[in-house]
Every structure is written in C-alpha cells, then in structure tokens.
N, C-alpha and C. Protein backbone atom coordinates (compact mmCIF):
# COMPACT_ATOMS: atom_id res chain seq x y z
N MET A 1 0.85 -1.17 0.00
CA MET A 1 0.00 0.00 0.00
C MET A 1 0.89 1.23 0.00
N ALA A 2 0.58 2.16 -0.85
CA ALA A 2 1.37 3.38 -0.97
C ALA A 2 1.24 4.23 0.29
N GLN A 3 2.25 5.00 0.58
CA GLN A 3 2.25 5.87 1.75
C GLN A 3 1.07 6.83 1.71
N ASP A 4 0.75 7.35 0.50
CA ASP A 4 -0.40 8.25 0.36
C ASP A 4 -1.69 7.56 0.79
N CYS A 5 -1.84 6.31 0.39
CA CYS A 5 -3.04 5.55 0.76
C CYS A 5 -3.15 5.41 2.27
N LYS A 6 -2.07 5.06 2.92
CA LYS A 6 -2.09 4.90 4.38
C LYS A 6 -2.52 6.19 5.06
N ARG A 7 -1.97 7.29 4.59
CA ARG A 7 -2.31 8.59 5.18
C ARG A 7 -3.77 8.93 4.93
N MET A 8 -4.23 8.69 3.72
CA MET A 8 -5.60 9.03 3.36
C MET A 8 -6.61 8.14 4.08
N LEU A 9 -6.30 6.86 4.20
CA LEU A 9 -7.22 5.94 4.87
C LEU A 9 -7.41 6.32 6.34
N GLY A 10 -6.37 6.89 6.92
CA GLY A 10 -6.46 7.36 8.30
C GLY A 10 -7.41 8.53 8.48
N GLU A 11 -7.76 9.18 7.38
CA GLU A 11 -8.63 10.36 7.44
C GLU A 11 -10.07 10.07 7.03
N LEU A 12 -10.36 8.85 6.61
CA LEU A 12 -11.69 8.55 6.07
C LEU A 12 -12.81 8.78 7.07
N SER A 13 -12.60 8.43 8.31
CA SER A 13 -13.65 8.59 9.31
C SER A 13 -14.04 10.07 9.46
N ASP A 14 -13.04 10.93 9.57
CA ASP A 14 -13.32 12.37 9.66
C ASP A 14 -13.96 12.89 8.38
N TYR A 15 -13.56 12.34 7.25
CA TYR A 15 -14.14 12.74 5.97
C TYR A 15 -15.63 12.40 5.93
N ILE A 16 -15.97 11.20 6.33
CA ILE A 16 -17.37 10.77 6.34
C ILE A 16 -18.19 11.64 7.29
N ASP A 17 -17.60 12.01 8.42
CA ASP A 17 -18.29 12.82 9.43
C ASP A 17 -18.26 14.31 9.12
N ASN A 18 -17.70 14.69 7.95
CA ASN A 18 -17.56 16.10 7.56
C ASN A 18 -16.78 16.91 8.60
N GLU A 19 -15.76 16.30 9.17
CA GLU A 19 -14.93 16.96 10.17
C GLU A 19 -13.49 17.15 9.71
N LEU A 20 -13.26 16.98 8.42
CA LEU A 20 -11.91 17.08 7.87
C LEU A 20 -11.66 18.51 7.41
N ALA A 21 -10.48 19.03 7.71
CA ALA A 21 -10.11 20.38 7.26
C ALA A 21 -10.26 20.47 5.75
N ASP A 22 -10.66 21.62 5.26
CA ASP A 22 -10.93 21.81 3.83
C ASP A 22 -9.77 21.39 2.94
N GLU A 23 -8.56 21.79 3.30
CA GLU A 23 -7.39 21.47 2.47
C GLU A 23 -7.17 19.96 2.39
N LEU A 24 -7.27 19.29 3.53
CA LEU A 24 -7.08 17.85 3.55
C LEU A 24 -8.22 17.14 2.83
N CYS A 25 -9.42 17.68 2.95
CA CYS A 25 -10.58 17.14 2.26
C CYS A 25 -10.35 17.17 0.74
N GLU A 26 -9.84 18.27 0.25
CA GLU A 26 -9.54 18.39 -1.19
C GLU A 26 -8.48 17.39 -1.61
N GLN A 27 -7.43 17.25 -0.79
CA GLN A 27 -6.37 16.29 -1.11
C GLN A 27 -6.93 14.86 -1.16
N LEU A 28 -7.79 14.54 -0.21
CA LEU A 28 -8.39 13.21 -0.17
C LEU A 28 -9.26 12.97 -1.40
N GLU A 29 -10.05 13.95 -1.79
CA GLU A 29 -10.92 13.79 -2.96
C GLU A 29 -10.11 13.63 -4.24
N VAL A 30 -9.00 14.34 -4.37
CA VAL A 30 -8.12 14.17 -5.52
C VAL A 30 -7.55 12.75 -5.52
N HIS A 31 -7.11 12.30 -4.34
CA HIS A 31 -6.56 10.95 -4.23
C HIS A 31 -7.61 9.91 -4.60
N LEU A 32 -8.84 10.09 -4.13
CA LEU A 32 -9.91 9.12 -4.39
C LEU A 32 -10.24 9.00 -5.88
N LYS A 33 -10.06 10.08 -6.62
CA LYS A 33 -10.33 10.04 -8.07
C LYS A 33 -9.41 9.05 -8.78
N ASP A 34 -8.18 8.93 -8.28
CA ASP A 34 -7.18 8.10 -8.95
C ASP A 34 -6.89 6.78 -8.25
N CYS A 35 -7.56 6.51 -7.13
CA CYS A 35 -7.22 5.31 -6.36
C CYS A 35 -8.46 4.46 -6.12
N PRO A 36 -8.66 3.43 -6.93
CA PRO A 36 -9.84 2.58 -6.76
C PRO A 36 -9.87 1.85 -5.42
N ASN A 37 -8.72 1.47 -4.89
CA ASN A 37 -8.69 0.77 -3.61
C ASN A 37 -9.20 1.65 -2.47
N CYS A 38 -8.79 2.90 -2.46
CA CYS A 38 -9.26 3.81 -1.41
C CYS A 38 -10.74 4.13 -1.59
N ARG A 39 -11.21 4.20 -2.85
CA ARG A 39 -12.64 4.42 -3.09
C ARG A 39 -13.45 3.25 -2.54
N ILE A 40 -12.94 2.04 -2.72
CA ILE A 40 -13.62 0.86 -2.18
C ILE A 40 -13.67 0.93 -0.66
N MET A 41 -12.57 1.32 -0.05
CA MET A 41 -12.53 1.44 1.41
C MET A 41 -13.53 2.50 1.88
N LEU A 42 -13.58 3.63 1.19
CA LEU A 42 -14.52 4.69 1.55
C LEU A 42 -15.95 4.19 1.42
N ASP A 43 -16.24 3.52 0.33
CA ASP A 43 -17.59 3.00 0.11
C ASP A 43 -17.97 1.99 1.19
N SER A 44 -17.07 1.09 1.53
CA SER A 44 -17.33 0.08 2.55
C SER A 44 -17.55 0.72 3.92
N LEU A 45 -16.71 1.68 4.25
CA LEU A 45 -16.84 2.35 5.55
C LEU A 45 -18.14 3.15 5.61
N THR A 46 -18.49 3.83 4.53
CA THR A 46 -19.72 4.61 4.47
C THR A 46 -20.94 3.70 4.66
N LYS A 47 -20.94 2.56 3.98
CA LYS A 47 -22.05 1.61 4.11
C LYS A 47 -22.12 1.05 5.53
N THR A 48 -20.99 0.74 6.11
CA THR A 48 -20.96 0.22 7.47
C THR A 48 -21.54 1.22 8.46
N VAL A 49 -21.14 2.47 8.33
CA VAL A 49 -21.65 3.52 9.21
C VAL A 49 -23.15 3.68 9.02
N ARG A 50 -23.61 3.66 7.77
CA ARG A 50 -25.03 3.82 7.49
C ARG A 50 -25.84 2.68 8.11
N ILE A 51 -25.36 1.45 7.93
CA ILE A 51 -26.06 0.29 8.50
C ILE A 51 -26.09 0.38 10.02
N TYR A 52 -24.98 0.76 10.62
CA TYR A 52 -24.92 0.87 12.07
C TYR A 52 -25.89 1.93 12.58
N CYS A 53 -25.96 3.05 11.88
CA CYS A 53 -26.84 4.14 12.30
C CYS A 53 -28.32 3.80 12.13
N GLU A 54 -28.63 2.92 11.18
CA GLU A 54 -30.02 2.52 10.99
C GLU A 54 -30.52 1.71 12.17
N ASP A 55 -29.63 0.96 12.80
CA ASP A 55 -29.94 0.21 14.01
C ASP A 55 -31.17 -0.68 13.85
N LYS A 56 -31.28 -1.31 12.68
CA LYS A 56 -32.38 -2.23 12.44
C LYS A 56 -31.97 -3.63 12.86
N GLU A 57 -32.89 -4.33 13.49
CA GLU A 57 -32.63 -5.71 13.84
C GLU A 57 -32.95 -6.59 12.64
N GLU A 58 -31.98 -7.36 12.24
CA GLU A 58 -32.17 -8.28 11.12
C GLU A 58 -32.25 -9.70 11.68
N ARG A 59 -33.19 -10.45 11.19
CA ARG A 59 -33.35 -11.84 11.62
C ARG A 59 -32.86 -12.76 10.51
N LEU A 60 -32.12 -13.78 10.94
CA LEU A 60 -31.67 -14.79 9.99
C LEU A 60 -32.84 -15.67 9.61
N PRO A 61 -32.85 -16.17 8.38
CA PRO A 61 -33.86 -17.17 8.04
C PRO A 61 -33.72 -18.36 8.98
N GLU A 62 -34.84 -18.97 9.36
CA GLU A 62 -34.84 -20.03 10.36
C GLU A 62 -33.89 -21.18 10.00
N ALA A 63 -33.88 -21.58 8.73
CA ALA A 63 -33.01 -22.68 8.31
C ALA A 63 -31.54 -22.32 8.53
N LEU A 64 -31.16 -21.10 8.21
CA LEU A 64 -29.78 -20.66 8.41
C LEU A 64 -29.46 -20.55 9.89
N SER A 65 -30.40 -20.08 10.66
CA SER A 65 -30.21 -19.96 12.11
C SER A 65 -29.97 -21.34 12.73
N GLN A 66 -30.75 -22.33 12.32
CA GLN A 66 -30.59 -23.69 12.84
C GLN A 66 -29.24 -24.28 12.42
N LYS A 67 -28.85 -24.03 11.18
CA LYS A 67 -27.57 -24.54 10.68
C LYS A 67 -26.40 -23.91 11.46
N LEU A 68 -26.48 -22.62 11.70
CA LEU A 68 -25.44 -21.92 12.45
C LEU A 68 -25.39 -22.42 13.89
N ARG A 69 -26.54 -22.59 14.50
CA ARG A 69 -26.61 -23.09 15.88
C ARG A 69 -26.00 -24.49 15.96
N ALA A 70 -26.34 -25.36 15.00
CA ALA A 70 -25.80 -26.72 15.00
C ALA A 70 -24.28 -26.71 14.84
N ALA A 71 -23.78 -25.84 13.97
CA ALA A 71 -22.33 -25.76 13.77
C ALA A 71 -21.63 -25.28 15.04
N CYS A 72 -22.23 -24.31 15.71
CA CYS A 72 -21.65 -23.80 16.96
C CYS A 72 -21.65 -24.88 18.04
N GLU A 73 -22.77 -25.61 18.15
CA GLU A 73 -22.85 -26.68 19.14
C GLU A 73 -21.83 -27.78 18.86
N LYS A 74 -21.66 -28.12 17.59
CA LYS A 74 -20.67 -29.13 17.21
C LYS A 74 -19.27 -28.68 17.60
N LYS A 75 -18.96 -27.43 17.32
CA LYS A 75 -17.64 -26.89 17.67
C LYS A 75 -17.45 -26.88 19.19
N TRP A 76 -18.48 -26.46 19.89
CA TRP A 76 -18.43 -26.42 21.35
C TRP A 76 -18.21 -27.82 21.92
N ASP A 77 -18.98 -28.80 21.39
CA ASP A 77 -18.85 -30.18 21.86
C ASP A 77 -17.45 -30.73 21.59
N SER A 78 -16.86 -30.38 20.44
CA SER A 78 -15.53 -30.89 20.13
C SER A 78 -14.48 -30.29 21.07
N LYS A 79 -14.69 -29.06 21.53
CA LYS A 79 -13.77 -28.44 22.49
C LYS A 79 -13.90 -29.12 23.84
N ASP A 80 -15.14 -29.47 24.23
CA ASP A 80 -15.35 -30.14 25.52
C ASP A 80 -14.70 -31.51 25.54
N SER A 81 -14.73 -32.21 24.43
CA SER A 81 -14.18 -33.57 24.38
C SER A 81 -12.64 -33.56 24.41
N LYS A 82 -12.02 -32.44 24.09
CA LYS A 82 -10.54 -32.34 24.11
C LYS A 82 -10.01 -32.02 25.49
N LYS A 83 -10.89 -31.66 26.42
CA LYS A 83 -10.41 -31.30 27.77
C LYS A 83 -10.09 -32.51 28.60
C-alpha cells in the first residue's frame, strides 16, 4: 500500500463525518479520483456507518439460524471432548 493511501485511509472517518479540514478534504478527494482501492474502502466504511446508524434488527432465516446453531454446538462439543 502506498504511503499516500495509508495517510488518506487514516482520514476517512473524519471525511465521512464532515470533520476534515478543507485542504485535507480536497487532497483526499483528488486521491480518491485516482485510487480505486481507497474508493472501495470509503464505500465500505460509508455503508458500514449507514447500516450501524439505521440500528435495524435483522433476523436470519430459520433454516440458516438452525444450521449456524448446529455448527456452533458441534464446535463447542468438540472443544469439551478435548479437555
């Protein structure tokens, strides 16, 4: 990862929150135009923040929930048998 990317990625949170100084904001936007990896990171972080702020409870489909529960129980049981 380029040094510019590391520096810019460190500023994404403030950028999303509109708390970034104007000059740095401009530098980040110029960087984002030419860096698809940083754009992906920005998009992912923006979506994560949006989902978190929505605070909606999502329910797993029952079949998936049962499959996940069974897998967890199997893993738990295998740990107990190793003790």
